[in-house]
């Protein structure tokens, strides 16, 4: 979030960016919900597009190839 994940187009696939714009999403669904956003909890309320954008961002930060598992995996 602090790196501009919802404003930086380069993190998103073309389809994901179109989804983001059409839904006017600016953060994960439960980002500010105290029940789901403690520091020791996983992020919830995200979809495949958001998770893929995060993986793309993390790849750039770590210089590793980070991706979501396939259905077979």
PDB file of N, CA and C in Angstrom:
ATOM      1  N   UNK A   1       0.817  -1.186   0.000  1.00  0.00           N
ATOM      2  CA  UNK A   1       0.000   0.000   0.000  1.00  0.00           C
ATOM      3  C   UNK A   1       0.867   1.259   0.000  1.00  0.00           C
ATOM      4  N   UNK A   2       1.900   1.258   0.798  1.00  0.00           N
ATOM      5  CA  UNK A   2       2.739   2.450   0.873  1.00  0.00           C
ATOM      6  C   UNK A   2       3.579   2.663  -0.387  1.00  0.00           C
ATOM      7  N   UNK A   3       3.727   1.626  -1.189  1.00  0.00           N
ATOM      8  CA  UNK A   3       4.488   1.727  -2.436  1.00  0.00           C
ATOM      9  C   UNK A   3       3.608   2.113  -3.623  1.00  0.00           C
ATOM     10  N   UNK A   4       2.340   2.415  -3.373  1.00  0.00           N
ATOM     11  CA  UNK A   4       1.454   2.842  -4.451  1.00  0.00           C
ATOM     12  C   UNK A   4       0.846   1.709  -5.243  1.00  0.00           C
ATOM     13  N   UNK A   5       0.630   0.584  -4.595  1.00  0.00           N
ATOM     14  CA  UNK A   5       0.135  -0.594  -5.285  1.00  0.00           C
ATOM     15  C   UNK A   5      -1.170  -0.426  -6.032  1.00  0.00           C
ATOM     16  N   UNK A   6      -1.989   0.510  -5.585  1.00  0.00           N
ATOM     17  CA  UNK A   6      -3.274   0.703  -6.258  1.00  0.00           C
ATOM     18  C   UNK A   6      -3.255   1.900  -7.199  1.00  0.00           C
ATOM     19  N   UNK A   7      -2.096   2.490  -7.381  1.00  0.00           N
ATOM     20  CA  UNK A   7      -1.976   3.613  -8.313  1.00  0.00           C
ATOM     21  C   UNK A   7      -0.899   3.387  -9.364  1.00  0.00           C
ATOM     22  N   UNK A   8      -0.078   2.378  -9.187  1.00  0.00           N
ATOM     23  CA  UNK A   8       1.035   2.108 -10.102  1.00  0.00           C
ATOM     24  C   UNK A   8       0.645   1.034 -11.112  1.00  0.00           C
ATOM     25  N   UNK A   9       0.380   1.455 -12.321  1.00  0.00           N
ATOM     26  CA  UNK A   9      -0.103   0.551 -13.369  1.00  0.00           C
ATOM     27  C   UNK A   9       0.869  -0.582 -13.673  1.00  0.00           C
ATOM     28  N   UNK A  10       2.159  -0.361 -13.494  1.00  0.00           N
ATOM     29  CA  UNK A  10       3.150  -1.376 -13.875  1.00  0.00           C
ATOM     30  C   UNK A  10       3.037  -2.655 -13.051  1.00  0.00           C
ATOM     31  N   UNK A  11       2.414  -2.612 -11.895  1.00  0.00           N
ATOM     32  CA  UNK A  11       2.246  -3.811 -11.071  1.00  0.00           C
ATOM     33  C   UNK A  11       1.119  -4.705 -11.577  1.00  0.00           C
ATOM     34  N   UNK A  12       0.232  -4.162 -12.380  1.00  0.00           N
ATOM     35  CA  UNK A  12      -1.015  -4.827 -12.755  1.00  0.00           C
ATOM     36  C   UNK A  12      -0.970  -5.390 -14.166  1.00  0.00           C
ATOM     37  N   UNK A  13      -1.684  -6.497 -14.365  1.00  0.00           N
ATOM     38  CA  UNK A  13      -1.906  -6.980 -15.728  1.00  0.00           C
ATOM     39  C   UNK A  13      -2.871  -6.006 -16.394  1.00  0.00           C
ATOM     40  N   UNK A  14      -2.978  -6.085 -17.701  1.00  0.00           N
ATOM     41  CA  UNK A  14      -3.917  -5.201 -18.410  1.00  0.00           C
ATOM     42  C   UNK A  14      -5.346  -5.436 -17.912  1.00  0.00           C
ATOM     43  N   UNK A  15      -5.724  -6.692 -17.801  1.00  0.00           N
ATOM     44  CA  UNK A  15      -7.068  -7.032 -17.316  1.00  0.00           C
ATOM     45  C   UNK A  15      -7.266  -6.566 -15.881  1.00  0.00           C
ATOM     46  N   UNK A  16      -6.247  -6.746 -15.060  1.00  0.00           N
ATOM     47  CA  UNK A  16      -6.333  -6.317 -13.664  1.00  0.00           C
ATOM     48  C   UNK A  16      -6.470  -4.820 -13.532  1.00  0.00           C
ATOM     49  N   UNK A  17      -5.728  -4.068 -14.349  1.00  0.00           N
ATOM     50  CA  UNK A  17      -5.808  -2.608 -14.294  1.00  0.00           C
ATOM     51  C   UNK A  17      -7.200  -2.134 -14.717  1.00  0.00           C
ATOM     52  N   UNK A  18      -7.770  -2.761 -15.746  1.00  0.00           N
ATOM     53  CA  UNK A  18      -9.126  -2.408 -16.173  1.00  0.00           C
ATOM     54  C   UNK A  18     -10.134  -2.717 -15.070  1.00  0.00           C
ATOM     55  N   UNK A  19      -9.957  -3.858 -14.399  1.00  0.00           N
ATOM     56  CA  UNK A  19     -10.828  -4.188 -13.271  1.00  0.00           C
ATOM     57  C   UNK A  19     -10.707  -3.126 -12.185  1.00  0.00           C
ATOM     58  N   UNK A  20      -9.474  -2.757 -11.851  1.00  0.00           N
ATOM     59  CA  UNK A  20      -9.229  -1.772 -10.805  1.00  0.00           C
ATOM     60  C   UNK A  20      -9.927  -0.453 -11.118  1.00  0.00           C
ATOM     61  N   UNK A  21      -9.789   0.015 -12.337  1.00  0.00           N
ATOM     62  CA  UNK A  21     -10.421   1.272 -12.734  1.00  0.00           C
ATOM     63  C   UNK A  21     -11.939   1.170 -12.740  1.00  0.00           C
ATOM     64  N   UNK A  22     -12.465   0.038 -13.193  1.00  0.00           N
ATOM     65  CA  UNK A  22     -13.923  -0.102 -13.285  1.00  0.00           C
ATOM     66  C   UNK A  22     -14.578  -0.231 -11.911  1.00  0.00           C
ATOM     67  N   UNK A  23     -13.833  -0.726 -10.941  1.00  0.00           N
ATOM     68  CA  UNK A  23     -14.393  -0.923  -9.601  1.00  0.00           C
ATOM     69  C   UNK A  23     -14.065   0.223  -8.646  1.00  0.00           C
ATOM     70  N   UNK A  24     -13.197   1.133  -9.067  1.00  0.00           N
ATOM     71  CA  UNK A  24     -12.768   2.255  -8.232  1.00  0.00           C
ATOM     72  C   UNK A  24     -12.224   1.772  -6.880  1.00  0.00           C
ATOM     73  N   UNK A  25     -11.410   0.734  -6.918  1.00  0.00           N
ATOM     74  CA  UNK A  25     -10.830   0.143  -5.715  1.00  0.00           C
ATOM     75  C   UNK A  25      -9.538   0.883  -5.379  1.00  0.00           C
ATOM     76  N   UNK A  26      -9.326   1.182  -4.112  1.00  0.00           N
ATOM     77  CA  UNK A  26      -8.109   1.888  -3.701  1.00  0.00           C
ATOM     78  C   UNK A  26      -7.307   1.131  -2.645  1.00  0.00           C
ATOM     79  N   UNK A  27      -7.865   0.002  -2.169  1.00  0.00           N
ATOM     80  CA  UNK A  27      -7.186  -0.814  -1.155  1.00  0.00           C
ATOM     81  C   UNK A  27      -7.935  -2.129  -1.004  1.00  0.00           C
ATOM     82  N   UNK A  28      -7.323  -3.120  -0.335  1.00  0.00           N
ATOM     83  CA  UNK A  28      -8.047  -4.373  -0.098  1.00  0.00           C
ATOM     84  C   UNK A  28      -9.354  -4.113   0.659  1.00  0.00           C
ATOM     85  N   UNK A  29     -10.332  -4.952   0.433  1.00  0.00           N
ATOM     86  CA  UNK A  29     -11.684  -4.747   0.965  1.00  0.00           C
ATOM     87  C   UNK A  29     -11.722  -4.554   2.480  1.00  0.00           C
ATOM     88  N   UNK A  30     -10.926  -5.282   3.230  1.00  0.00           N
ATOM     89  CA  UNK A  30     -10.984  -5.198   4.690  1.00  0.00           C
ATOM     90  C   UNK A  30      -9.769  -4.505   5.287  1.00  0.00           C
ATOM     91  N   UNK A  31      -9.090  -3.674   4.505  1.00  0.00           N
ATOM     92  CA  UNK A  31      -7.846  -3.042   4.918  1.00  0.00           C
ATOM     93  C   UNK A  31      -7.969  -2.277   6.235  1.00  0.00           C
ATOM     94  N   UNK A  32      -9.075  -1.586   6.444  1.00  0.00           N
ATOM     95  CA  UNK A  32      -9.260  -0.777   7.656  1.00  0.00           C
ATOM     96  C   UNK A  32     -10.166  -1.428   8.688  1.00  0.00           C
ATOM     97  N   UNK A  33     -10.543  -2.664   8.487  1.00  0.00           N
ATOM     98  CA  UNK A  33     -11.411  -3.374   9.420  1.00  0.00           C
ATOM     99  C   UNK A  33     -10.561  -3.979  10.540  1.00  0.00           C
ATOM    100  N   UNK A  34     -10.774  -3.544  11.764  1.00  0.00           N
ATOM    101  CA  UNK A  34      -9.964  -3.986  12.910  1.00  0.00           C
ATOM    102  C   UNK A  34     -10.012  -5.499  13.127  1.00  0.00           C
ATOM    103  N   UNK A  35     -11.077  -6.152  12.693  1.00  0.00           N
ATOM    104  CA  UNK A  35     -11.174  -7.603  12.853  1.00  0.00           C
ATOM    105  C   UNK A  35     -10.235  -8.368  11.922  1.00  0.00           C
ATOM    106  N   UNK A  36      -9.827  -7.724  10.825  1.00  0.00           N
ATOM    107  CA  UNK A  36      -9.065  -8.438   9.803  1.00  0.00           C
ATOM    108  C   UNK A  36      -7.740  -7.776   9.430  1.00  0.00           C
ATOM    109  N   UNK A  37      -7.313  -6.756  10.130  1.00  0.00           N
ATOM    110  CA  UNK A  37      -6.135  -6.022   9.660  1.00  0.00           C
ATOM    111  C   UNK A  37      -5.058  -5.812  10.721  1.00  0.00           C
ATOM    112  N   UNK A  38      -4.979  -6.709  11.679  1.00  0.00           N
ATOM    113  CA  UNK A  38      -3.905  -6.617  12.660  1.00  0.00           C
ATOM    114  C   UNK A  38      -2.575  -6.991  12.003  1.00  0.00           C
ATOM    115  N   UNK A  39      -1.484  -6.531  12.580  1.00  0.00           N
ATOM    116  CA  UNK A  39      -0.167  -6.773  11.987  1.00  0.00           C
ATOM    117  C   UNK A  39       0.164  -8.256  11.820  1.00  0.00           C
ATOM    118  N   UNK A  40      -0.353  -9.104  12.685  1.00  0.00           N
ATOM    119  CA  UNK A  40      -0.019 -10.532  12.621  1.00  0.00           C
ATOM    120  C   UNK A  40      -1.054 -11.345  11.845  1.00  0.00           C
ATOM    121  N   UNK A  41      -1.909 -10.688  11.089  1.00  0.00           N
ATOM    122  CA  UNK A  41      -2.931 -11.382  10.296  1.00  0.00           C
ATOM    123  C   UNK A  41      -2.615 -11.258   8.803  1.00  0.00           C
ATOM    124  N   UNK A  42      -3.009 -12.259   8.023  1.00  0.00           N
ATOM    125  CA  UNK A  42      -2.830 -12.143   6.574  1.00  0.00           C
ATOM    126  C   UNK A  42      -3.810 -11.122   6.004  1.00  0.00           C
ATOM    127  N   UNK A  43      -3.492 -10.599   4.851  1.00  0.00           N
ATOM    128  CA  UNK A  43      -4.400  -9.694   4.158  1.00  0.00           C
ATOM    129  C   UNK A  43      -5.557 -10.523   3.617  1.00  0.00           C
ATOM    130  N   UNK A  44      -6.771 -10.065   3.831  1.00  0.00           N
ATOM    131  CA  UNK A  44      -7.966 -10.748   3.335  1.00  0.00           C
ATOM    132  C   UNK A  44      -8.777  -9.783   2.490  1.00  0.00           C
ATOM    133  N   UNK A  45      -9.703 -10.323   1.735  1.00  0.00           N
ATOM    134  CA  UNK A  45     -10.582  -9.494   0.934  1.00  0.00           C
ATOM    135  C   UNK A  45      -9.947  -9.006  -0.356  1.00  0.00           C
ATOM    136  N   UNK A  46      -8.988  -9.782  -0.882  1.00  0.00           N
ATOM    137  CA  UNK A  46      -8.392  -9.418  -2.162  1.00  0.00           C
ATOM    138  C   UNK A  46      -8.759 -10.473  -3.199  1.00  0.00           C
ATOM    139  N   UNK A  47      -8.725 -10.081  -4.445  1.00  0.00           N
ATOM    140  CA  UNK A  47      -9.024 -11.038  -5.507  1.00  0.00           C
ATOM    141  C   UNK A  47      -7.744 -11.409  -6.251  1.00  0.00           C
ATOM    142  N   UNK A  48      -7.898 -12.198  -7.286  1.00  0.00           N
ATOM    143  CA  UNK A  48      -6.760 -12.689  -8.052  1.00  0.00           C
ATOM    144  C   UNK A  48      -5.951 -11.542  -8.653  1.00  0.00           C
ATOM    145  N   UNK A  49      -6.617 -10.528  -9.172  1.00  0.00           N
ATOM    146  CA  UNK A  49      -5.915  -9.387  -9.772  1.00  0.00           C
ATOM    147  C   UNK A  49      -5.039  -8.681  -8.740  1.00  0.00           C
ATOM    148  N   UNK A  50      -5.586  -8.470  -7.551  1.00  0.00           N
ATOM    149  CA  UNK A  50      -4.829  -7.795  -6.503  1.00  0.00           C
ATOM    150  C   UNK A  50      -3.650  -8.640  -6.027  1.00  0.00           C
ATOM    151  N   UNK A  51      -3.860  -9.936  -5.887  1.00  0.00           N
ATOM    152  CA  UNK A  51      -2.777 -10.820  -5.466  1.00  0.00           C
ATOM    153  C   UNK A  51      -1.671 -10.880  -6.522  1.00  0.00           C
ATOM    154  N   UNK A  52      -2.038 -10.880  -7.788  1.00  0.00           N
ATOM    155  CA  UNK A  52      -1.057 -10.890  -8.865  1.00  0.00           C
ATOM    156  C   UNK A  52      -0.260  -9.584  -8.880  1.00  0.00           C
ATOM    157  N   UNK A  53      -0.934  -8.459  -8.672  1.00  0.00           N
ATOM    158  CA  UNK A  53      -0.232  -7.172  -8.617  1.00  0.00           C
ATOM    159  C   UNK A  53       0.761  -7.161  -7.463  1.00  0.00           C
ATOM    160  N   UNK A  54       0.373  -7.719  -6.327  1.00  0.00           N
ATOM    161  CA  UNK A  54       1.293  -7.801  -5.191  1.00  0.00           C
ATOM    162  C   UNK A  54       2.503  -8.674  -5.529  1.00  0.00           C
ATOM    163  N   UNK A  55       2.259  -9.800  -6.154  1.00  0.00           N
ATOM    164  CA  UNK A  55       3.364 -10.686  -6.541  1.00  0.00           C
ATOM    165  C   UNK A  55       4.307  -9.974  -7.509  1.00  0.00           C
ATOM    166  N   UNK A  56       3.763  -9.206  -8.431  1.00  0.00           N
ATOM    167  CA  UNK A  56       4.595  -8.443  -9.370  1.00  0.00           C
ATOM    168  C   UNK A  56       5.425  -7.399  -8.636  1.00  0.00           C
ATOM    169  N   UNK A  57       4.816  -6.708  -7.684  1.00  0.00           N
ATOM    170  CA  UNK A  57       5.555  -5.726  -6.885  1.00  0.00           C
ATOM    171  C   UNK A  57       6.674  -6.418  -6.105  1.00  0.00           C
ATOM    172  N   UNK A  58       6.348  -7.536  -5.449  1.00  0.00           N
ATOM    173  CA  UNK A  58       7.322  -8.252  -4.643  1.00  0.00           C
ATOM    174  C   UNK A  58       8.479  -8.778  -5.492  1.00  0.00           C
ATOM    175  N   UNK A  59       8.189  -9.183  -6.723  1.00  0.00           N
ATOM    176  CA  UNK A  59       9.248  -9.616  -7.638  1.00  0.00           C
ATOM    177  C   UNK A  59      10.258  -8.502  -7.859  1.00  0.00           C
ATOM    178  N   UNK A  60       9.764  -7.295  -8.050  1.00  0.00           N
ATOM    179  CA  UNK A  60      10.648  -6.153  -8.247  1.00  0.00           C
ATOM    180  C   UNK A  60      11.456  -5.808  -7.013  1.00  0.00           C
ATOM    181  N   UNK A  61      10.875  -5.995  -5.851  1.00  0.00           N
ATOM    182  CA  UNK A  61      11.567  -5.699  -4.598  1.00  0.00           C
ATOM    183  C   UNK A  61      12.656  -6.710  -4.269  1.00  0.00           C
ATOM    184  N   UNK A  62      12.457  -7.956  -4.651  1.00  0.00           N
ATOM    185  CA  UNK A  62      13.366  -9.033  -4.251  1.00  0.00           C
ATOM    186  C   UNK A  62      14.281  -9.522  -5.374  1.00  0.00           C
ATOM    187  N   UNK A  63      14.012  -9.073  -6.598  1.00  0.00           N
ATOM    188  CA  UNK A  63      14.729  -9.579  -7.772  1.00  0.00           C
ATOM    189  C   UNK A  63      14.568 -11.087  -7.931  1.00  0.00           C
ATOM    190  N   UNK A  64      13.451 -11.603  -7.470  1.00  0.00           N
ATOM    191  CA  UNK A  64      13.086 -13.004  -7.644  1.00  0.00           C
ATOM    192  C   UNK A  64      11.810 -13.070  -8.456  1.00  0.00           C
ATOM    193  N   UNK A  65      11.533 -14.194  -9.051  1.00  0.00           N
ATOM    194  CA  UNK A  65      10.268 -14.371  -9.759  1.00  0.00           C
ATOM    195  C   UNK A  65       9.245 -14.873  -8.747  1.00  0.00           C
ATOM    196  N   UNK A  66       8.302 -14.023  -8.425  1.00  0.00           N
ATOM    197  CA  UNK A  66       7.235 -14.356  -7.481  1.00  0.00           C
ATOM    198  C   UNK A  66       5.941 -14.420  -8.284  1.00  0.00           C
ATOM    199  N   UNK A  67       5.182 -15.482  -8.112  1.00  0.00           N
ATOM    200  CA  UNK A  67       3.922 -15.614  -8.849  1.00  0.00           C
ATOM    201  C   UNK A  67       2.946 -16.431  -8.005  1.00  0.00           C
ATOM    202  N   UNK A  68       1.697 -16.376  -8.411  1.00  0.00           N
ATOM    203  CA  UNK A  68       0.687 -17.209  -7.760  1.00  0.00           C
ATOM    204  C   UNK A  68       0.797 -18.633  -8.285  1.00  0.00           C
ATOM    205  N   UNK A  69       0.443 -19.612  -7.477  1.00  0.00           N
ATOM    206  CA  UNK A  69       0.467 -20.989  -7.972  1.00  0.00           C
ATOM    207  C   UNK A  69      -0.606 -21.196  -9.050  1.00  0.00           C
ATOM    208  N   UNK A  70      -0.350 -22.152  -9.921  1.00  0.00           N
ATOM    209  CA  UNK A  70      -1.340 -22.505 -10.930  1.00  0.00           C
ATOM    210  C   UNK A  70      -2.389 -23.402 -10.294  1.00  0.00           C
ATOM    211  N   UNK A  71      -3.462 -23.666 -11.016  1.00  0.00           N
ATOM    212  CA  UNK A  71      -4.493 -24.567 -10.499  1.00  0.00           C
ATOM    213  C   UNK A  71      -3.917 -25.953 -10.206  1.00  0.00           C
ATOM    214  N   UNK A  72      -3.044 -26.427 -11.086  1.00  0.00           N
ATOM    215  CA  UNK A  72      -2.435 -27.746 -10.894  1.00  0.00           C
ATOM    216  C   UNK A  72      -1.571 -27.784  -9.632  1.00  0.00           C
ATOM    217  N   UNK A  73      -0.872 -26.708  -9.369  1.00  0.00           N
ATOM    218  CA  UNK A  73      -0.011 -26.657  -8.189  1.00  0.00           C
ATOM    219  C   UNK A  73      -0.820 -26.610  -6.921  1.00  0.00           C
TER     220      UNK A  73
END
